[in-house]
Amino acid sequence: MPEKIDVLEKSYQLFSSLNALQQKFLSKIEQLVPVITGDVWKRAQENGEVLLNYIAPEIDADLYASLATEICHLLARERGGKKEELERVSDFFNRESGHLCQDLLQEGKLSARLSAAFSPTEQELAYFVARQSLRPFLKKFVAQLPPEVGGAGWQRRYCPVCGERPNLSYLRREDGRRILICPLCGQEWLYRYLACTWCGNEDHGSISYFEVKEVPGYEVYVCKKCRGYLKTFNERKGSGHEDWLLEDVKTLPLDLIARRDGYSNFQKLVLN
């Protein structure tokens, strides 16, 4: 147990530093986003298509490469055993940022480019750096979207902006409605209170939640049909929260308990 606690504490320290770095770069991003009309959002909503299929943020390749390099340096300081691999990853991002920025928003193309350049172990590092370097650009993009994006008309199991699946949600204090949170771009969207975010199961008899008193305010909803789970912050029980990325890391003990009991978060890269 002490070893697990040490790993969790180091993970929180790492992601705190990473979040601070991303916030620093967020202020440097000057982004002009084309106007998203009501017709565009209506069409995307009706078709269940994410907004990035219609309109994409402008990504400054030099700024992106600079952030990727700093993230590599941060990881090298925190994870000294990966220093050589991270140097190669950093060199790649500086060399290929212009081409890479064209592929960042297309999962298949990004994976193919990284697969061609790195060994399997290095691919994981490069993929992590690629996504974390993208987050501030997407957050800036999301901040300029109209408020109806993610409203009651969407209610799908994936982000209306980028298509990512949620790791976290919260229950609003004023009405108890569930809000899902995108771990990549930060977009929030309404979802049904008792419905699995992995398989869509709405059988209330097969959905339940557990709480852990050491992690106040959180409920972990589990689906007996697909064995998926979702961490949820209940604003009526909790007394505030940090940045959602840090909340995800801070509540990793809940992931460990869910996994111990046979449940899965099917994209829990942070936990890995």
C-alpha atoms as a PDB file:
ATOM      1  CA  MET A   1       0.000   0.000   0.000  1.00  0.00           C
ATOM      2  CA  PRO A   2       2.760   2.587   0.788  1.00  0.00           C
ATOM      3  CA  GLU A   3       4.146   1.997  -2.718  1.00  0.00           C
ATOM      4  CA  LYS A   4       0.743   2.725  -4.286  1.00  0.00           C
ATOM      5  CA  ILE A   5       0.388   5.887  -2.206  1.00  0.00           C
ATOM      6  CA  ASP A   6       3.835   7.033  -3.355  1.00  0.00           C
ATOM      7  CA  VAL A   7       2.923   6.414  -7.014  1.00  0.00           C
ATOM      8  CA  LEU A   8      -0.350   8.330  -6.639  1.00  0.00           C
ATOM      9  CA  GLU A   9       1.390  11.273  -4.959  1.00  0.00           C
ATOM     10  CA  LYS A  10       4.045  11.427  -7.679  1.00  0.00           C
ATOM     11  CA  SER A  11       1.363  11.220 -10.368  1.00  0.00           C
ATOM     12  CA  TYR A  12      -0.484  14.143  -8.809  1.00  0.00           C
ATOM     13  CA  GLN A  13       2.735  16.189  -8.627  1.00  0.00           C
ATOM     14  CA  LEU A  14       3.493  15.408 -12.273  1.00  0.00           C
ATOM     15  CA  PHE A  15       0.045  16.386 -13.523  1.00  0.00           C
ATOM     16  CA  SER A  16       0.009  19.513 -11.355  1.00  0.00           C
ATOM     17  CA  SER A  17       3.223  20.635 -13.063  1.00  0.00           C
ATOM     18  CA  LEU A  18       1.823  19.624 -16.444  1.00  0.00           C
ATOM     19  CA  ASN A  19      -1.388  21.562 -15.854  1.00  0.00           C
ATOM     20  CA  ALA A  20       0.559  24.682 -14.838  1.00  0.00           C
ATOM     21  CA  LEU A  21       2.647  24.404 -18.003  1.00  0.00           C
ATOM     22  CA  GLN A  22      -0.457  24.067 -20.179  1.00  0.00           C
ATOM     23  CA  GLN A  23      -2.050  27.077 -18.490  1.00  0.00           C
ATOM     24  CA  LYS A  24       1.065  29.136 -19.218  1.00  0.00           C
ATOM     25  CA  PHE A  25       0.857  28.275 -22.906  1.00  0.00           C
ATOM     26  CA  LEU A  26      -2.908  28.804 -23.018  1.00  0.00           C
ATOM     27  CA  SER A  27      -2.347  32.521 -22.480  1.00  0.00           C
ATOM     28  CA  LYS A  28       0.013  32.601 -25.483  1.00  0.00           C
ATOM     29  CA  ILE A  29      -2.482  31.170 -27.955  1.00  0.00           C
ATOM     30  CA  GLU A  30      -4.036  33.814 -30.160  1.00  0.00           C
ATOM     31  CA  GLN A  31      -6.753  32.034 -32.033  1.00  0.00           C
ATOM     32  CA  LEU A  32      -9.307  33.366 -34.467  1.00  0.00           C
ATOM     33  CA  VAL A  33     -12.082  30.807 -34.719  1.00  0.00           C
ATOM     34  CA  PRO A  34     -14.452  31.050 -37.700  1.00  0.00           C
ATOM     35  CA  VAL A  35     -18.044  31.684 -36.701  1.00  0.00           C
ATOM     36  CA  ILE A  36     -20.029  28.524 -36.024  1.00  0.00           C
ATOM     37  CA  THR A  37     -23.552  29.185 -37.205  1.00  0.00           C
ATOM     38  CA  GLY A  38     -26.675  27.682 -35.743  1.00  0.00           C
ATOM     39  CA  ASP A  39     -27.119  25.668 -38.939  1.00  0.00           C
ATOM     40  CA  VAL A  40     -23.679  24.074 -38.575  1.00  0.00           C
ATOM     41  CA  TRP A  41     -24.326  23.051 -34.983  1.00  0.00           C
ATOM     42  CA  LYS A  42     -27.834  21.830 -35.839  1.00  0.00           C
ATOM     43  CA  ARG A  43     -26.461  19.654 -38.649  1.00  0.00           C
ATOM     44  CA  ALA A  44     -23.692  18.250 -36.450  1.00  0.00           C
ATOM     45  CA  GLN A  45     -26.156  17.548 -33.656  1.00  0.00           C
ATOM     46  CA  GLU A  46     -28.682  15.820 -35.907  1.00  0.00           C
ATOM     47  CA  ASN A  47     -25.987  13.644 -37.489  1.00  0.00           C
ATOM     48  CA  GLY A  48     -24.199  12.893 -34.228  1.00  0.00           C
ATOM     49  CA  GLU A  49     -21.002  14.312 -35.712  1.00  0.00           C
ATOM     50  CA  VAL A  50     -18.402  16.167 -33.684  1.00  0.00           C
ATOM     51  CA  LEU A  51     -17.692  19.807 -34.459  1.00  0.00           C
ATOM     52  CA  LEU A  52     -14.087  19.121 -35.430  1.00  0.00           C
ATOM     53  CA  ASN A  53     -15.477  17.382 -38.525  1.00  0.00           C
ATOM     54  CA  TYR A  54     -16.868  20.754 -39.617  1.00  0.00           C
ATOM     55  CA  ILE A  55     -14.414  23.289 -38.295  1.00  0.00           C
ATOM     56  CA  ALA A  56     -10.996  22.967 -36.669  1.00  0.00           C
ATOM     57  CA  PRO A  57      -8.927  25.246 -34.430  1.00  0.00           C
ATOM     58  CA  GLU A  58      -5.866  26.974 -35.766  1.00  0.00           C
ATOM     59  CA  ILE A  59      -2.733  25.388 -34.303  1.00  0.00           C
ATOM     60  CA  ASP A  60       0.503  27.378 -34.304  1.00  0.00           C
ATOM     61  CA  ALA A  61       3.080  24.715 -35.210  1.00  0.00           C
ATOM     62  CA  ASP A  62       5.983  26.540 -33.533  1.00  0.00           C
ATOM     63  CA  LEU A  63       4.059  27.110 -30.314  1.00  0.00           C
ATOM     64  CA  TYR A  64       2.865  23.508 -30.351  1.00  0.00           C
ATOM     65  CA  ALA A  65       6.436  22.229 -30.792  1.00  0.00           C
ATOM     66  CA  SER A  66       7.643  24.487 -27.988  1.00  0.00           C
ATOM     67  CA  LEU A  67       5.033  23.104 -25.587  1.00  0.00           C
ATOM     68  CA  ALA A  68       5.805  19.521 -26.642  1.00  0.00           C
ATOM     69  CA  THR A  69       9.495  20.135 -25.923  1.00  0.00           C
ATOM     70  CA  GLU A  70       8.765  21.537 -22.467  1.00  0.00           C
ATOM     71  CA  ILE A  71       6.493  18.595 -21.680  1.00  0.00           C
ATOM     72  CA  CYS A  72       9.302  16.228 -22.681  1.00  0.00           C
ATOM     73  CA  HIS A  73      11.686  18.101 -20.374  1.00  0.00           C
ATOM     74  CA  LEU A  74       9.142  17.902 -17.559  1.00  0.00           C
ATOM     75  CA  LEU A  75       8.687  14.159 -18.041  1.00  0.00           C
ATOM     76  CA  ALA A  76      12.466  13.662 -18.182  1.00  0.00           C
ATOM     77  CA  ARG A  77      12.832  15.406 -14.818  1.00  0.00           C
ATOM     78  CA  GLU A  78      10.009  13.413 -13.261  1.00  0.00           C
ATOM     79  CA  ARG A  79      10.753  10.110 -15.017  1.00  0.00           C
ATOM     80  CA  GLY A  80      14.538  10.054 -15.378  1.00  0.00           C
ATOM     81  CA  GLY A  81      14.604   6.485 -16.692  1.00  0.00           C
ATOM     82  CA  LYS A  82      13.010   7.619 -19.965  1.00  0.00           C
ATOM     83  CA  LYS A  83      15.424  10.466 -20.712  1.00  0.00           C
ATOM     84  CA  GLU A  84      16.843   9.105 -23.990  1.00  0.00           C
ATOM     85  CA  GLU A  85      13.415   8.155 -25.337  1.00  0.00           C
ATOM     86  CA  LEU A  86      12.058  11.578 -24.441  1.00  0.00           C
ATOM     87  CA  GLU A  87      14.955  13.285 -26.216  1.00  0.00           C
ATOM     88  CA  ARG A  88      14.039  11.403 -29.390  1.00  0.00           C
ATOM     89  CA  VAL A  89      10.380  12.309 -28.941  1.00  0.00           C
ATOM     90  CA  SER A  90      11.286  15.971 -28.430  1.00  0.00           C
ATOM     91  CA  ASP A  91      13.485  15.994 -31.542  1.00  0.00           C
ATOM     92  CA  PHE A  92      10.639  14.465 -33.547  1.00  0.00           C
ATOM     93  CA  PHE A  93       8.122  17.114 -32.487  1.00  0.00           C
ATOM     94  CA  ASN A  94      10.531  19.937 -33.284  1.00  0.00           C
ATOM     95  CA  ARG A  95      11.340  18.436 -36.673  1.00  0.00           C
ATOM     96  CA  GLU A  96       7.842  17.359 -37.705  1.00  0.00           C
ATOM     97  CA  SER A  97       5.523  19.839 -35.997  1.00  0.00           C
ATOM     98  CA  GLY A  98       4.383  21.393 -39.279  1.00  0.00           C
ATOM     99  CA  HIS A  99       3.238  18.057 -40.710  1.00  0.00           C
ATOM    100  CA  LEU A 100       2.098  16.737 -37.341  1.00  0.00           C
ATOM    101  CA  CYS A 101      -0.325  19.603 -36.743  1.00  0.00           C
ATOM    102  CA  GLN A 102      -2.227  18.500 -39.850  1.00  0.00           C
ATOM    103  CA  ASP A 103      -2.761  15.031 -38.350  1.00  0.00           C
ATOM    104  CA  LEU A 104      -3.403  15.875 -34.693  1.00  0.00           C
ATOM    105  CA  LEU A 105      -7.176  15.977 -34.979  1.00  0.00           C
ATOM    106  CA  GLN A 106      -7.409  12.742 -36.960  1.00  0.00           C
ATOM    107  CA  GLU A 107      -6.723   9.807 -34.675  1.00  0.00           C
ATOM    108  CA  GLY A 108      -5.843   7.318 -37.411  1.00  0.00           C
ATOM    109  CA  LYS A 109      -3.360   9.620 -39.115  1.00  0.00           C
ATOM    110  CA  LEU A 110      -1.681  10.587 -35.838  1.00  0.00           C
ATOM    111  CA  SER A 111      -1.276   6.960 -34.754  1.00  0.00           C
ATOM    112  CA  ALA A 112       0.116   5.996 -38.167  1.00  0.00           C
ATOM    113  CA  ARG A 113       2.665   8.824 -38.112  1.00  0.00           C
ATOM    114  CA  LEU A 114       3.844   7.941 -34.604  1.00  0.00           C
ATOM    115  CA  SER A 115       3.913   4.223 -35.401  1.00  0.00           C
ATOM    116  CA  ALA A 116       6.208   4.865 -38.355  1.00  0.00           C
ATOM    117  CA  ALA A 117       8.610   6.945 -36.265  1.00  0.00           C
ATOM    118  CA  PHE A 118       8.896   5.127 -32.931  1.00  0.00           C
ATOM    119  CA  SER A 119       9.182   1.795 -31.174  1.00  0.00           C
ATOM    120  CA  PRO A 120       6.053   0.651 -29.278  1.00  0.00           C
ATOM    121  CA  THR A 121       7.380   2.017 -25.967  1.00  0.00           C
ATOM    122  CA  GLU A 122       8.310   5.352 -27.498  1.00  0.00           C
ATOM    123  CA  GLN A 123       4.941   5.506 -29.267  1.00  0.00           C
ATOM    124  CA  GLU A 124       3.176   5.613 -25.898  1.00  0.00           C
ATOM    125  CA  LEU A 125       5.345   8.514 -24.755  1.00  0.00           C
ATOM    126  CA  ALA A 126       4.934  10.351 -28.063  1.00  0.00           C
ATOM    127  CA  TYR A 127       1.160   9.840 -28.033  1.00  0.00           C
ATOM    128  CA  PHE A 128       0.933  11.194 -24.498  1.00  0.00           C
ATOM    129  CA  VAL A 129       3.031  14.242 -25.410  1.00  0.00           C
ATOM    130  CA  ALA A 130       1.015  14.815 -28.603  1.00  0.00           C
ATOM    131  CA  ARG A 131      -2.317  14.829 -26.777  1.00  0.00           C
ATOM    132  CA  GLN A 132      -1.165  16.861 -23.791  1.00  0.00           C
ATOM    133  CA  SER A 133       0.381  19.469 -26.107  1.00  0.00           C
ATOM    134  CA  LEU A 134      -2.924  19.696 -27.966  1.00  0.00           C
ATOM    135  CA  ARG A 135      -5.079  20.336 -24.881  1.00  0.00           C
ATOM    136  CA  PRO A 136      -4.497  24.124 -24.542  1.00  0.00           C
ATOM    137  CA  PHE A 137      -5.345  24.689 -28.212  1.00  0.00           C
ATOM    138  CA  LEU A 138      -8.583  22.742 -27.877  1.00  0.00           C
ATOM    139  CA  LYS A 139      -9.453  24.475 -24.603  1.00  0.00           C
ATOM    140  CA  LYS A 140      -9.043  27.849 -26.320  1.00  0.00           C
ATOM    141  CA  PHE A 141     -11.268  26.590 -29.147  1.00  0.00           C
ATOM    142  CA  VAL A 142     -13.947  25.363 -26.736  1.00  0.00           C
ATOM    143  CA  ALA A 143     -13.954  28.654 -24.814  1.00  0.00           C
ATOM    144  CA  GLN A 144     -15.079  30.451 -27.979  1.00  0.00           C
ATOM    145  CA  LEU A 145     -17.940  28.099 -28.871  1.00  0.00           C
ATOM    146  CA  PRO A 146     -21.594  29.119 -28.430  1.00  0.00           C
ATOM    147  CA  PRO A 147     -23.220  27.930 -25.164  1.00  0.00           C
ATOM    148  CA  GLU A 148     -25.720  25.651 -26.928  1.00  0.00           C
ATOM    149  CA  VAL A 149     -22.893  23.240 -27.823  1.00  0.00           C
ATOM    150  CA  GLY A 150     -23.247  20.393 -25.360  1.00  0.00           C
ATOM    151  CA  GLY A 151     -26.784  21.366 -24.383  1.00  0.00           C
ATOM    152  CA  ALA A 152     -29.828  19.161 -23.982  1.00  0.00           C
ATOM    153  CA  GLY A 153     -29.983  18.389 -27.708  1.00  0.00           C
ATOM    154  CA  TRP A 154     -26.741  16.353 -27.710  1.00  0.00           C
ATOM    155  CA  GLN A 155     -26.754  13.886 -24.786  1.00  0.00           C
ATOM    156  CA  ARG A 156     -24.493  11.359 -26.485  1.00  0.00           C
ATOM    157  CA  ARG A 157     -21.774   9.269 -24.881  1.00  0.00           C
ATOM    158  CA  TYR A 158     -18.939  11.184 -26.563  1.00  0.00           C
ATOM    159  CA  CYS A 159     -17.796  14.795 -26.626  1.00  0.00           C
ATOM    160  CA  PRO A 160     -19.687  17.000 -29.114  1.00  0.00           C
ATOM    161  CA  VAL A 161     -16.453  18.815 -29.988  1.00  0.00           C
ATOM    162  CA  CYS A 162     -13.725  16.173 -30.338  1.00  0.00           C
ATOM    163  CA  GLY A 163     -15.449  12.809 -29.821  1.00  0.00           C
ATOM    164  CA  GLU A 164     -13.499  11.798 -26.712  1.00  0.00           C
ATOM    165  CA  ARG A 165     -15.225   9.638 -24.087  1.00  0.00           C
ATOM    166  CA  PRO A 166     -15.493  11.033 -20.528  1.00  0.00           C
ATOM    167  CA  ASN A 167     -13.532   9.949 -17.472  1.00  0.00           C
ATOM    168  CA  LEU A 168     -15.472  12.224 -15.141  1.00  0.00           C
ATOM    169  CA  SER A 169     -18.860  13.827 -14.669  1.00  0.00           C
ATOM    170  CA  TYR A 170     -20.521  16.006 -12.065  1.00  0.00           C
ATOM    171  CA  LEU A 171     -24.063  16.398 -10.743  1.00  0.00           C
ATOM    172  CA  ARG A 172     -25.156  20.043 -10.696  1.00  0.00           C
ATOM    173  CA  ARG A 173     -26.085  21.442  -7.327  1.00  0.00           C
ATOM    174  CA  GLU A 174     -29.122  23.366  -8.594  1.00  0.00           C
ATOM    175  CA  ASP A 175     -30.951  20.562 -10.418  1.00  0.00           C
ATOM    176  CA  GLY A 176     -28.989  17.322  -9.972  1.00  0.00           C
ATOM    177  CA  ARG A 177     -28.465  16.917 -13.727  1.00  0.00           C
ATOM    178  CA  ARG A 178     -25.409  15.017 -14.920  1.00  0.00           C
ATOM    179  CA  ILE A 179     -22.718  16.888 -16.850  1.00  0.00           C
ATOM    180  CA  LEU A 180     -20.008  14.908 -18.639  1.00  0.00           C
ATOM    181  CA  ILE A 181     -16.502  16.363 -18.954  1.00  0.00           C
ATOM    182  CA  CYS A 182     -14.185  15.784 -21.902  1.00  0.00           C
ATOM    183  CA  PRO A 183     -10.675  14.815 -20.707  1.00  0.00           C
ATOM    184  CA  LEU A 184      -9.076  16.196 -23.874  1.00  0.00           C
ATOM    185  CA  CYS A 185     -10.723  19.500 -24.836  1.00  0.00           C
ATOM    186  CA  GLY A 186     -12.585  20.280 -21.601  1.00  0.00           C
ATOM    187  CA  GLN A 187     -16.031  20.642 -23.222  1.00  0.00           C
ATOM    188  CA  GLU A 188     -18.947  19.821 -20.910  1.00  0.00           C
ATOM    189  CA  TRP A 189     -22.275  18.366 -22.003  1.00  0.00           C
ATOM    190  CA  LEU A 190     -25.556  17.188 -20.543  1.00  0.00           C
ATOM    191  CA  TYR A 191     -26.263  13.465 -20.224  1.00  0.00           C
ATOM    192  CA  ARG A 192     -28.959  11.276 -18.731  1.00  0.00           C
ATOM    193  CA  TYR A 193     -28.644  10.788 -14.982  1.00  0.00           C
ATOM    194  CA  LEU A 194     -28.885   6.979 -14.901  1.00  0.00           C
ATOM    195  CA  ALA A 195     -27.448   5.752 -18.183  1.00  0.00           C
ATOM    196  CA  CYS A 196     -24.083   4.089 -18.764  1.00  0.00           C
ATOM    197  CA  THR A 197     -21.644   6.323 -20.639  1.00  0.00           C
ATOM    198  CA  TRP A 198     -19.950   3.279 -22.162  1.00  0.00           C
ATOM    199  CA  CYS A 199     -22.772   1.064 -23.466  1.00  0.00           C
ATOM    200  CA  GLY A 200     -25.851   3.292 -23.107  1.00  0.00           C
ATOM    201  CA  ASN A 201     -27.585   0.882 -20.717  1.00  0.00           C
ATOM    202  CA  GLU A 202     -30.616   2.547 -19.065  1.00  0.00           C
ATOM    203  CA  ASP A 203     -31.777  -0.366 -16.913  1.00  0.00           C
ATOM    204  CA  HIS A 204     -31.728   1.238 -13.486  1.00  0.00           C
ATOM    205  CA  GLY A 205     -31.574  -2.172 -11.858  1.00  0.00           C
ATOM    206  CA  SER A 206     -28.143  -2.817 -13.362  1.00  0.00           C
ATOM    207  CA  ILE A 207     -26.630   0.597 -12.598  1.00  0.00           C
ATOM    208  CA  SER A 208     -25.493   1.530  -9.108  1.00  0.00           C
ATOM    209  CA  TYR A 209     -22.812   3.554  -7.393  1.00  0.00           C
ATOM    210  CA  PHE A 210     -20.427   3.321  -4.476  1.00  0.00           C
ATOM    211  CA  GLU A 211     -18.772   5.961  -2.308  1.00  0.00           C
ATOM    212  CA  VAL A 212     -15.532   6.058  -0.328  1.00  0.00           C
ATOM    213  CA  LYS A 213     -15.515   8.303   2.735  1.00  0.00           C
ATOM    214  CA  GLU A 214     -11.843   9.183   2.206  1.00  0.00           C
ATOM    215  CA  VAL A 215     -12.785  10.804  -1.137  1.00  0.00           C
ATOM    216  CA  PRO A 216     -15.696  13.074  -0.132  1.00  0.00           C
ATOM    217  CA  GLY A 217     -18.174  14.292  -2.715  1.00  0.00           C
ATOM    218  CA  TYR A 218     -17.483  11.513  -5.221  1.00  0.00           C
ATOM    219  CA  GLU A 219     -19.729   8.691  -6.383  1.00  0.00           C
ATOM    220  CA  VAL A 220     -18.534   5.966  -8.754  1.00  0.00           C
ATOM    221  CA  TYR A 221     -21.325   4.742 -11.041  1.00  0.00           C
ATOM    222  CA  VAL A 222     -20.917   1.170 -12.270  1.00  0.00           C
ATOM    223  CA  CYS A 223     -22.737  -0.728 -15.010  1.00  0.00           C
ATOM    224  CA  LYS A 224     -23.291  -4.450 -14.467  1.00  0.00           C
ATOM    225  CA  LYS A 225     -24.043  -4.931 -18.159  1.00  0.00           C
ATOM    226  CA  CYS A 226     -20.720  -3.805 -19.689  1.00  0.00           C
ATOM    227  CA  ARG A 227     -18.684  -3.585 -16.435  1.00  0.00           C
ATOM    228  CA  GLY A 228     -17.814   0.043 -17.122  1.00  0.00           C
ATOM    229  CA  TYR A 229     -17.601   2.796 -14.514  1.00  0.00           C
ATOM    230  CA  LEU A 230     -17.656   6.596 -14.275  1.00  0.00           C
ATOM    231  CA  LYS A 231     -16.396   8.804 -11.452  1.00  0.00           C
ATOM    232  CA  THR A 232     -18.878  11.538 -10.560  1.00  0.00           C
ATOM    233  CA  PHE A 233     -18.539  14.612  -8.359  1.00  0.00           C
ATOM    234  CA  ASN A 234     -21.810  15.422  -6.591  1.00  0.00           C
ATOM    235  CA  GLU A 235     -21.914  19.172  -5.979  1.00  0.00           C
ATOM    236  CA  ARG A 236     -24.516  18.689  -3.245  1.00  0.00           C
ATOM    237  CA  LYS A 237     -22.076  16.523  -1.298  1.00  0.00           C
ATOM    238  CA  GLY A 238     -18.703  18.031  -2.206  1.00  0.00           C
ATOM    239  CA  SER A 239     -17.281  21.409  -1.241  1.00  0.00           C
ATOM    240  CA  GLY A 240     -15.446  22.409  -4.416  1.00  0.00           C
ATOM    241  CA  HIS A 241     -12.942  20.969  -6.836  1.00  0.00           C
ATOM    242  CA  GLU A 242      -9.702  21.687  -8.700  1.00  0.00           C
ATOM    243  CA  ASP A 243      -9.090  21.586 -12.448  1.00  0.00           C
ATOM    244  CA  TRP A 244     -10.851  18.467 -13.729  1.00  0.00           C
ATOM    245  CA  LEU A 245      -7.617  16.901 -15.013  1.00  0.00           C
ATOM    246  CA  LEU A 246      -6.166  17.167 -11.509  1.00  0.00           C
ATOM    247  CA  GLU A 247      -9.398  15.862 -10.003  1.00  0.00           C
ATOM    248  CA  ASP A 248      -9.123  12.816 -12.263  1.00  0.00           C
ATOM    249  CA  VAL A 249      -5.602  12.130 -10.984  1.00  0.00           C
ATOM    250  CA  LYS A 250      -6.393  12.979  -7.364  1.00  0.00           C
ATOM    251  CA  THR A 251      -9.238  10.448  -7.353  1.00  0.00           C
ATOM    252  CA  LEU A 252      -7.220   7.569  -8.830  1.00  0.00           C
ATOM    253  CA  PRO A 253      -7.842   5.522  -5.639  1.00  0.00           C
ATOM    254  CA  LEU A 254     -11.462   5.259  -6.837  1.00  0.00           C
ATOM    255  CA  ASP A 255     -10.244   3.809 -10.146  1.00  0.00           C
ATOM    256  CA  LEU A 256      -8.181   1.233  -8.274  1.00  0.00           C
ATOM    257  CA  ILE A 257     -11.203   0.159  -6.234  1.00  0.00           C
ATOM    258  CA  ALA A 258     -13.417  -0.073  -9.321  1.00  0.00           C
ATOM    259  CA  ARG A 259     -10.823  -2.157 -11.145  1.00  0.00           C
ATOM    260  CA  ARG A 260     -10.334  -4.390  -8.141  1.00  0.00           C
ATOM    261  CA  ASP A 261     -14.072  -5.105  -8.279  1.00  0.00           C
ATOM    262  CA  GLY A 262     -13.912  -6.026 -11.971  1.00  0.00           C
ATOM    263  CA  TYR A 263     -15.002  -2.767 -13.612  1.00  0.00           C
ATOM    264  CA  SER A 264     -13.149  -0.913 -16.364  1.00  0.00           C
ATOM    265  CA  ASN A 265     -12.757   2.572 -17.744  1.00  0.00           C
ATOM    266  CA  PHE A 266     -12.023   1.627 -21.327  1.00  0.00           C
ATOM    267  CA  GLN A 267      -9.619   4.485 -22.025  1.00  0.00           C
ATOM    268  CA  LYS A 268      -8.033   5.158 -18.652  1.00  0.00           C
ATOM    269  CA  LEU A 269      -4.628   6.217 -19.983  1.00  0.00           C
ATOM    270  CA  VAL A 270      -3.808   8.224 -16.860  1.00  0.00           C
ATOM    271  CA  LEU A 271      -4.139   5.131 -14.680  1.00  0.00           C
ATOM    272  CA  ASN A 272      -1.891   3.103 -16.975  1.00  0.00           C
END
